[in-house]
């Protein structure tokens, strides 16, 4: 099936036509699902008014903040709508039951999140760091909201992690853990192998591996934090960009960094500035690294985002290699099927284009059969730079289908 590139609100409207009940201004929120043992979803998602559905059913439900349990008389986007939107775009499972207040979940993205009578834990819902008093289809959301589903009793405070966007190779990064509810520093939280002090701060060991490094904070009796990515770079090594979609501007570093682009798309560095040699990079969002799918439940959607490019995007390509026993193959975007590779190894698999926009999505013609898969996203910009390094869990994921 041909690729579909999702760019901005217009594509979001097209994708939602089949399930929407009315139109409003789409909102973009930070969505996160923290399961019993791991983070199940963490991404920005844009959603309009829409009906809700589970991934194993065609039945849809009203989910626009109105109705007997609603908080508004005007149809609006909701928390459950945002999660359903992310599941449909990302191709992960969303299972449960639907009641008067909205959805109750039993399983999300490969992990059980149903009610545990022994511990009285369930998938609690938070909005902007505070427990919600309303169901996920009853309470509306607005642009910039922090939408959190977390497995717990509903009384645990969510942690918030912050840190620098970049550090130089060999430097340490100072990370700060606060309570999202009140912004106060949290002592005794574990992050980067360290324990936070009374002010919530902890300093990492010297970071020597170049490229983005991801950190999360945890503490008993609290909800694990958001992820913070710290880019280890000297500003000219091409391992990673200094910002990613949704991040605030990175602090400046001494030494050569990409300069401000000139007027017009793809203009590249400003006149008289150094050439843009920063390697282009992207992120895979639809499949988590190490994920194992059951037989007949292999994913169909290959999706993700691309880091901002000073020179402008030229092409976004993906590469999907499969190993089954001793047979190696790769997916051909032109033939829309897997073809045999001459030799095994990711480098022997060809890439194919999925467009040239900051958000990409490609729908495979069928669920993937059994095998071991390596999925890469390769980005090319108009200055001639392309992805150089592949980092597991970021622009490369390895997954399995039984």
Protein backbone atom coordinates (compact mmCIF):
# COMPACT_ATOMS: atom_id res chain seq x y z
CA UNK A 1 0.00 0.00 0.00
CA UNK A 2 1.25 3.45 -0.82
CA UNK A 3 2.63 5.63 1.93
CA UNK A 4 0.55 8.22 3.74
CA UNK A 5 2.35 11.21 5.19
CA UNK A 6 0.55 12.92 8.05
CA UNK A 7 1.39 16.60 8.07
CA UNK A 8 -0.45 19.02 10.28
CA UNK A 9 -4.13 19.36 10.96
CA UNK A 10 -5.35 18.79 7.40
CA UNK A 11 -4.12 15.19 7.26
CA UNK A 12 -5.50 14.63 10.74
CA UNK A 13 -8.93 15.70 9.51
CA UNK A 14 -8.79 13.35 6.56
CA UNK A 15 -7.77 10.40 8.74
CA UNK A 16 -10.62 11.07 11.19
CA UNK A 17 -13.46 11.43 8.69
CA UNK A 18 -14.80 7.92 9.26
CA UNK A 19 -15.12 8.22 13.05
CA UNK A 20 -15.68 11.91 13.82
CA UNK A 21 -19.03 13.26 14.95
CA UNK A 22 -18.32 16.97 14.35
CA UNK A 23 -15.45 19.27 13.59
CA UNK A 24 -13.58 21.58 15.94
CA UNK A 25 -10.04 22.85 16.03
CA UNK A 26 -7.73 19.81 16.44
CA UNK A 27 -5.62 19.90 19.59
CA UNK A 28 -2.12 18.54 20.15
CA UNK A 29 -1.37 17.08 23.57
CA UNK A 30 1.45 15.16 25.28
CA UNK A 31 0.16 11.61 25.71
CA UNK A 32 1.78 9.03 27.98
CA UNK A 33 0.75 5.61 29.26
CA UNK A 34 2.77 4.17 32.15
CA UNK A 35 2.11 0.45 32.61
CA UNK A 36 2.98 -1.78 35.58
CA UNK A 37 6.53 -2.44 34.35
CA UNK A 38 7.28 -0.05 31.49
CA UNK A 39 6.22 2.98 29.50
CA UNK A 40 3.68 1.81 26.93
CA UNK A 41 3.07 5.06 25.02
CA UNK A 42 4.87 8.40 25.05
CA UNK A 43 4.27 10.81 22.20
CA UNK A 44 2.54 13.95 21.01
CA UNK A 45 -0.81 13.27 19.39
CA UNK A 46 -3.16 15.56 17.48
CA UNK A 47 -6.85 14.73 17.81
CA UNK A 48 -10.16 16.28 16.86
CA UNK A 49 -13.67 15.34 17.99
CA UNK A 50 -14.04 11.63 17.32
CA UNK A 51 -15.78 8.47 18.41
CA UNK A 52 -13.95 5.91 20.51
CA UNK A 53 -13.23 2.29 19.58
CA UNK A 54 -11.10 -0.56 20.87
CA UNK A 55 -8.61 -2.14 18.50
CA UNK A 56 -10.32 -5.56 18.53
CA UNK A 57 -13.80 -4.26 17.72
CA UNK A 58 -15.63 -2.24 15.10
CA UNK A 59 -18.11 -0.83 17.64
CA UNK A 60 -17.73 2.90 18.26
CA UNK A 61 -18.85 5.01 21.23
CA UNK A 62 -19.61 8.67 21.82
CA UNK A 63 -16.51 10.29 23.32
CA UNK A 64 -16.77 14.07 23.01
CA UNK A 65 -17.28 15.39 26.55
CA UNK A 66 -21.08 15.64 26.22
CA UNK A 67 -23.83 13.38 27.48
CA UNK A 68 -25.15 12.66 30.98
CA UNK A 69 -21.66 12.34 32.50
CA UNK A 70 -19.99 14.96 30.33
CA UNK A 71 -18.41 18.24 31.38
CA UNK A 72 -19.53 20.29 28.38
CA UNK A 73 -22.49 20.74 26.06
CA UNK A 74 -20.22 21.43 23.10
CA UNK A 75 -18.57 18.36 21.48
CA UNK A 76 -14.80 18.54 22.10
CA UNK A 77 -11.68 16.36 21.99
CA UNK A 78 -11.15 14.10 25.03
CA UNK A 79 -8.47 12.01 26.76
CA UNK A 80 -9.86 8.69 25.57
CA UNK A 81 -10.13 10.11 22.08
CA UNK A 82 -6.44 11.03 22.14
CA UNK A 83 -5.46 7.52 23.21
CA UNK A 84 -7.68 5.90 20.58
CA UNK A 85 -6.20 8.20 17.94
CA UNK A 86 -2.65 7.22 18.93
CA UNK A 87 -3.53 3.51 18.90
CA UNK A 88 -5.01 3.69 15.42
CA UNK A 89 -2.12 5.68 13.99
CA UNK A 90 0.55 3.64 15.79
CA UNK A 91 -1.03 0.22 15.30
CA UNK A 92 -0.82 -0.86 18.97
CA UNK A 93 -3.53 -2.78 20.80
CA UNK A 94 -6.11 -1.03 22.98
CA UNK A 95 -8.43 -3.46 24.79
CA UNK A 96 -11.06 -3.06 27.49
CA UNK A 97 -14.72 -2.29 28.07
CA UNK A 98 -16.88 0.80 27.75
CA UNK A 99 -19.20 2.27 30.41
CA UNK A 100 -21.07 5.46 31.24
CA UNK A 101 -17.87 7.39 32.08
CA UNK A 102 -15.88 6.10 29.13
CA UNK A 103 -13.36 3.33 28.54
CA UNK A 104 -11.81 1.05 31.15
CA UNK A 105 -8.68 -0.65 29.87
CA UNK A 106 -7.42 -4.18 30.28
CA UNK A 107 -4.46 -4.25 27.89
CA UNK A 108 -2.46 -1.59 26.05
CA UNK A 109 0.49 -2.12 23.71
CA UNK A 110 1.34 -5.60 24.95
CA UNK A 111 0.89 -5.18 28.72
CA UNK A 112 -2.04 -5.89 31.03
CA UNK A 113 -3.45 -2.81 32.78
CA UNK A 114 -6.71 -4.22 34.14
CA UNK A 115 -7.87 -3.78 37.73
CA UNK A 116 -5.80 -5.74 40.28
CA UNK A 117 -7.97 -6.54 43.29
CA UNK A 118 -4.97 -7.54 45.41
CA UNK A 119 -3.29 -4.14 45.15
CA UNK A 120 -6.35 -2.06 44.12
CA UNK A 121 -4.38 -0.72 41.19
CA UNK A 122 -5.89 0.16 37.86
CA UNK A 123 -5.16 2.51 34.94
CA UNK A 124 -5.68 5.87 36.64
CA UNK A 125 -6.11 9.02 34.56
CA UNK A 126 -4.33 12.33 35.10
CA UNK A 127 -4.63 15.71 33.42
CA UNK A 128 -1.74 18.15 33.77
CA UNK A 129 -0.28 16.20 36.68
CA UNK A 130 -3.44 15.93 38.76
CA UNK A 131 -5.85 12.96 39.09
CA UNK A 132 -8.98 13.49 37.06
CA UNK A 133 -12.44 13.35 38.65
CA UNK A 134 -14.07 12.63 35.31
CA UNK A 135 -14.03 9.77 32.83
CA UNK A 136 -11.80 9.82 29.78
CA UNK A 137 -14.74 10.52 27.44
CA UNK A 138 -16.36 13.01 29.81
CA UNK A 139 -13.54 15.52 30.34
CA UNK A 140 -12.28 17.64 27.48
CA UNK A 141 -8.67 18.41 26.60
CA UNK A 142 -7.05 21.51 25.12
CA UNK A 143 -3.87 22.18 23.20
CA UNK A 144 -0.74 21.66 25.30
CA UNK A 145 -2.38 19.49 27.95
CA UNK A 146 -0.41 16.69 29.55
CA UNK A 147 -2.53 13.53 29.29
CA UNK A 148 -1.35 10.65 31.47
CA UNK A 149 -2.72 7.15 32.01
CA UNK A 150 -0.80 5.38 34.79
CA UNK A 151 -1.16 2.01 36.51
CA UNK A 152 -1.62 2.72 40.22
CA UNK A 153 -4.18 3.51 42.90
CA UNK A 154 -4.77 7.02 41.59
CA UNK A 155 -3.12 8.63 44.62
CA UNK A 156 0.49 8.50 43.43
CA UNK A 157 2.04 11.79 42.24
CA UNK A 158 3.46 11.72 38.70
CA UNK A 159 7.14 12.60 38.46
CA UNK A 160 8.40 15.22 36.02
CA UNK A 161 11.96 15.00 34.69
CA UNK A 162 13.90 17.87 33.12
CA UNK A 163 17.45 18.14 31.84
CA UNK A 164 19.69 19.86 29.30
CA UNK A 165 19.09 19.31 25.60
CA UNK A 166 22.81 18.86 24.92
CA UNK A 167 26.11 18.21 26.66
CA UNK A 168 29.59 17.82 25.23
CA UNK A 169 31.22 14.37 25.17
CA UNK A 170 32.74 13.61 28.58
CA UNK A 171 30.54 16.12 30.42
CA UNK A 172 27.96 15.33 33.07
CA UNK A 173 24.28 16.21 32.82
CA UNK A 174 22.29 17.57 35.75
CA UNK A 175 18.76 16.16 35.79
CA UNK A 176 15.96 17.50 37.96
CA UNK A 177 12.98 15.50 39.27
CA UNK A 178 9.90 17.35 40.50
CA UNK A 179 6.35 16.45 41.43
CA UNK A 180 4.22 17.33 38.44
CA UNK A 181 1.34 18.29 40.70
CA UNK A 182 3.11 21.13 42.55
CA UNK A 183 6.53 21.54 40.91
CA UNK A 184 8.45 20.78 44.12
CA UNK A 185 11.76 18.88 43.96
CA UNK A 186 11.55 15.18 44.78
CA UNK A 187 14.30 13.64 46.93
CA UNK A 188 15.28 9.99 46.68
CA UNK A 189 14.15 9.43 43.10
CA UNK A 190 16.27 7.10 40.96
CA UNK A 191 17.53 8.51 37.66
CA UNK A 192 20.60 7.69 35.57
CA UNK A 193 21.84 5.32 38.29
CA UNK A 194 21.83 8.13 40.85
CA UNK A 195 19.52 9.24 43.67
CA UNK A 196 18.19 12.78 43.69
CA UNK A 197 19.08 15.19 46.49
CA UNK A 198 16.60 17.23 48.54
CA UNK A 199 16.17 19.70 45.67
CA UNK A 200 15.37 16.89 43.23
CA UNK A 201 18.67 17.11 41.36
CA UNK A 202 21.04 14.35 40.33
CA UNK A 203 24.18 14.45 38.20
CA UNK A 204 25.03 11.70 35.75
CA UNK A 205 28.42 10.10 35.27
CA UNK A 206 30.40 11.61 32.38
CA UNK A 207 28.51 10.90 29.15
CA UNK A 208 30.90 9.64 26.51
CA UNK A 209 28.68 7.86 23.99
CA UNK A 210 27.73 10.37 21.32
CA UNK A 211 24.15 10.71 20.28
CA UNK A 212 20.85 11.00 22.16
CA UNK A 213 20.63 9.28 25.54
CA UNK A 214 17.25 8.83 27.18
CA UNK A 215 16.54 9.04 30.92
CA UNK A 216 13.52 8.40 33.14
CA UNK A 217 13.01 8.86 36.85
CA UNK A 218 11.30 6.43 39.24
CA UNK A 219 10.42 6.36 42.91
CA UNK A 220 8.37 3.99 45.05
CA UNK A 221 4.91 5.45 45.59
CA UNK A 222 5.12 7.72 42.53
CA UNK A 223 4.41 7.42 38.81
CA UNK A 224 7.53 7.12 36.66
CA UNK A 225 8.48 10.28 34.82
CA UNK A 226 8.44 11.41 31.26
CA UNK A 227 11.52 10.60 29.19
CA UNK A 228 14.23 13.22 28.72
CA UNK A 229 16.67 12.92 25.83
CA UNK A 230 20.11 14.45 26.28
CA UNK A 231 22.16 14.75 23.11
CA UNK A 232 25.87 14.11 23.58
CA UNK A 233 27.52 16.14 20.82
CA UNK A 234 30.25 18.65 20.12
CA UNK A 235 27.89 20.42 17.72
CA UNK A 236 29.62 19.30 14.55
CA UNK A 237 29.88 15.51 14.78
CA UNK A 238 26.53 14.85 13.07
CA UNK A 239 25.32 12.34 15.64
CA UNK A 240 22.09 14.12 16.44
CA UNK A 241 20.25 17.37 16.09
CA UNK A 242 20.02 19.65 19.09
CA UNK A 243 16.22 19.69 19.11
CA UNK A 244 13.32 17.37 18.39
CA UNK A 245 9.69 18.18 17.69
CA UNK A 246 8.09 19.77 20.74
CA UNK A 247 11.35 20.56 22.55
CA UNK A 248 12.25 24.10 23.61
CA UNK A 249 15.24 25.62 21.78
CA UNK A 250 18.49 23.98 22.85
CA UNK A 251 21.10 26.07 24.66
CA UNK A 252 23.94 27.20 22.43
CA UNK A 253 27.24 25.40 22.54
CA UNK A 254 30.70 26.79 21.76
CA UNK A 255 31.94 25.69 18.38
CA UNK A 256 30.28 25.17 15.00
CA UNK A 257 26.54 24.54 15.03
CA UNK A 258 24.11 24.72 12.10
CA UNK A 259 23.28 28.35 11.43
CA UNK A 260 19.86 29.88 10.89
CA UNK A 261 18.30 28.95 7.54
CA UNK A 262 17.87 31.69 4.99
CA UNK A 263 14.55 32.64 3.40
CA UNK A 264 12.54 30.07 1.54
CA UNK A 265 12.26 26.29 2.00
CA UNK A 266 15.52 24.41 1.82
CA UNK A 267 17.56 27.60 1.85
CA UNK A 268 20.11 26.06 4.20
CA UNK A 269 22.58 28.10 6.26
CA UNK A 270 22.41 31.87 6.33
CA UNK A 271 24.54 33.75 3.87
CA UNK A 272 28.14 33.75 4.97
CA UNK A 273 27.53 31.08 7.66
CA UNK A 274 29.17 27.66 7.85
CA UNK A 275 27.64 24.91 5.71
CA UNK A 276 25.05 22.65 7.33
CA UNK A 277 26.78 19.31 8.02
CA UNK A 278 24.44 18.14 10.79
CA UNK A 279 23.30 14.59 10.10
CA UNK A 280 19.56 14.23 9.60
CA UNK A 281 17.71 11.93 11.97
CA UNK A 282 14.26 10.58 12.82
CA UNK A 283 12.34 8.60 15.40
CA UNK A 284 10.20 5.47 15.08
CA UNK A 285 7.02 5.80 17.10
CA UNK A 286 4.75 2.96 16.00
CA UNK A 287 6.79 -0.02 17.27
CA UNK A 288 8.84 -0.24 20.45
CA UNK A 289 12.28 -1.81 20.43
CA UNK A 290 12.32 -5.47 21.49
CA UNK A 291 8.54 -5.88 21.10
CA UNK A 292 7.27 -9.42 20.49
CA UNK A 293 4.02 -9.90 18.60
CA UNK A 294 1.88 -13.04 18.56
CA UNK A 295 1.20 -14.99 15.42
CA UNK A 296 -1.22 -13.11 13.20
CA UNK A 297 -0.78 -9.94 15.28
CA UNK A 298 2.25 -8.50 13.55
CA UNK A 299 2.15 -4.73 12.98
CA UNK A 300 1.05 -3.05 9.76
CA UNK A 301 1.89 0.61 10.44
CA UNK A 302 5.42 2.00 10.17
CA UNK A 303 5.29 5.53 11.59
CA UNK A 304 7.38 8.16 13.31
CA UNK A 305 8.69 11.70 13.26
CA UNK A 306 11.70 13.55 11.89
CA UNK A 307 13.89 16.00 13.81
CA UNK A 308 13.82 19.62 12.57
CA UNK A 309 16.16 20.27 9.65
CA UNK A 310 17.75 23.67 9.10
CA UNK A 311 18.18 22.98 5.39
CA UNK A 312 14.72 21.49 4.93
CA UNK A 313 13.72 17.88 4.33
CA UNK A 314 14.43 16.22 1.02
CA UNK A 315 13.25 12.67 1.66
CA UNK A 316 12.27 10.31 4.48
CA UNK A 317 12.94 6.64 3.83
CA UNK A 318 12.44 3.45 5.81
CA UNK A 319 14.16 0.09 5.64
CA UNK A 320 12.53 -3.11 6.85
CA UNK A 321 14.66 -6.27 6.93
CA UNK A 322 13.33 -9.72 7.86
CA UNK A 323 15.10 -12.89 8.97
CA UNK A 324 13.22 -16.17 9.18
CA UNK A 325 15.42 -19.18 9.85
CA UNK A 326 18.27 -18.87 7.34
CA UNK A 327 16.27 -16.82 4.87
CA UNK A 328 16.73 -13.07 4.68
CA UNK A 329 14.52 -10.62 2.83
CA UNK A 330 13.55 -6.95 2.80
CA UNK A 331 10.35 -5.08 2.07
CA UNK A 332 10.19 -3.43 -1.36
CA UNK A 333 8.13 -0.25 -1.48
CA UNK A 334 7.73 -0.49 -5.25
CA UNK A 335 6.66 -4.16 -5.30
CA UNK A 336 4.80 -3.86 -1.99
CA UNK A 337 6.08 -7.22 -0.79
CA UNK A 338 9.18 -8.85 0.68
CA UNK A 339 11.91 -9.86 -1.76
CA UNK A 340 14.89 -12.10 -1.12
CA UNK A 341 18.14 -10.42 -0.12
CA UNK A 342 21.38 -11.62 -1.67
CA UNK A 343 23.05 -11.65 1.71
CA UNK A 344 21.80 -11.30 5.26
CA UNK A 345 22.38 -8.05 7.10
CA UNK A 346 20.55 -4.75 7.38
CA UNK A 347 22.96 -3.03 4.99
CA UNK A 348 21.81 -5.36 2.21
CA UNK A 349 18.18 -4.27 2.57
CA UNK A 350 16.98 -1.38 0.41
CA UNK A 351 15.18 1.69 1.69
CA UNK A 352 12.00 3.14 0.21
CA UNK A 353 10.51 6.60 0.40
CA UNK A 354 7.59 7.51 2.69
CA UNK A 355 7.45 11.19 1.72
CA UNK A 356 9.22 14.35 2.84
CA UNK A 357 7.33 15.60 5.88
CA UNK A 358 8.15 15.77 9.59
CA UNK A 359 5.57 13.09 10.44
CA UNK A 360 5.40 9.92 8.37
CA UNK A 361 3.24 6.80 8.26
CA UNK A 362 3.28 3.79 5.93
CA UNK A 363 0.58 1.11 5.97
CA UNK A 364 1.78 -2.36 4.98
CA UNK A 365 -0.61 -4.40 2.80
CA UNK A 366 -0.92 -7.11 5.48
CA UNK A 367 0.22 -7.90 9.01
CA UNK A 368 3.82 -9.07 9.13
CA UNK A 369 4.48 -12.83 9.16
CA UNK A 370 6.72 -14.59 11.67
CA UNK A 371 10.37 -13.58 11.81
CA UNK A 372 12.90 -11.19 13.28
CA UNK A 373 12.66 -7.64 11.91
CA UNK A 374 14.92 -4.60 11.87
CA UNK A 375 13.22 -1.30 11.04
CA UNK A 376 15.25 1.85 10.30
CA UNK A 377 14.23 5.39 9.39
CA UNK A 378 16.67 7.21 7.10
CA UNK A 379 16.40 10.98 6.65
CA UNK A 380 17.94 13.11 3.89
CA UNK A 381 17.98 16.91 3.97
CA UNK A 382 18.40 19.49 1.20
CA UNK A 383 21.99 20.19 2.26
CA UNK A 384 22.99 16.64 1.28
CA UNK A 385 23.14 15.23 4.84
CA UNK A 386 21.62 11.88 5.68
CA UNK A 387 21.30 9.69 8.74
CA UNK A 388 24.69 8.33 9.81
CA UNK A 389 24.12 6.56 13.12
CA UNK A 390 21.36 4.13 14.07
CA UNK A 391 20.37 3.99 17.73
CA UNK A 392 18.19 1.20 19.11
CA UNK A 393 14.89 2.52 20.37
CA UNK A 394 15.18 5.76 18.41
CA UNK A 395 15.70 5.49 14.66
CA UNK A 396 16.15 1.70 14.73
CA UNK A 397 13.93 -0.90 16.35
CA UNK A 398 14.31 -4.66 16.42
CA UNK A 399 11.11 -6.65 16.94
CA UNK A 400 9.78 -10.17 16.55
CA UNK A 401 6.64 -11.89 15.27
CA UNK A 402 6.01 -15.47 16.36
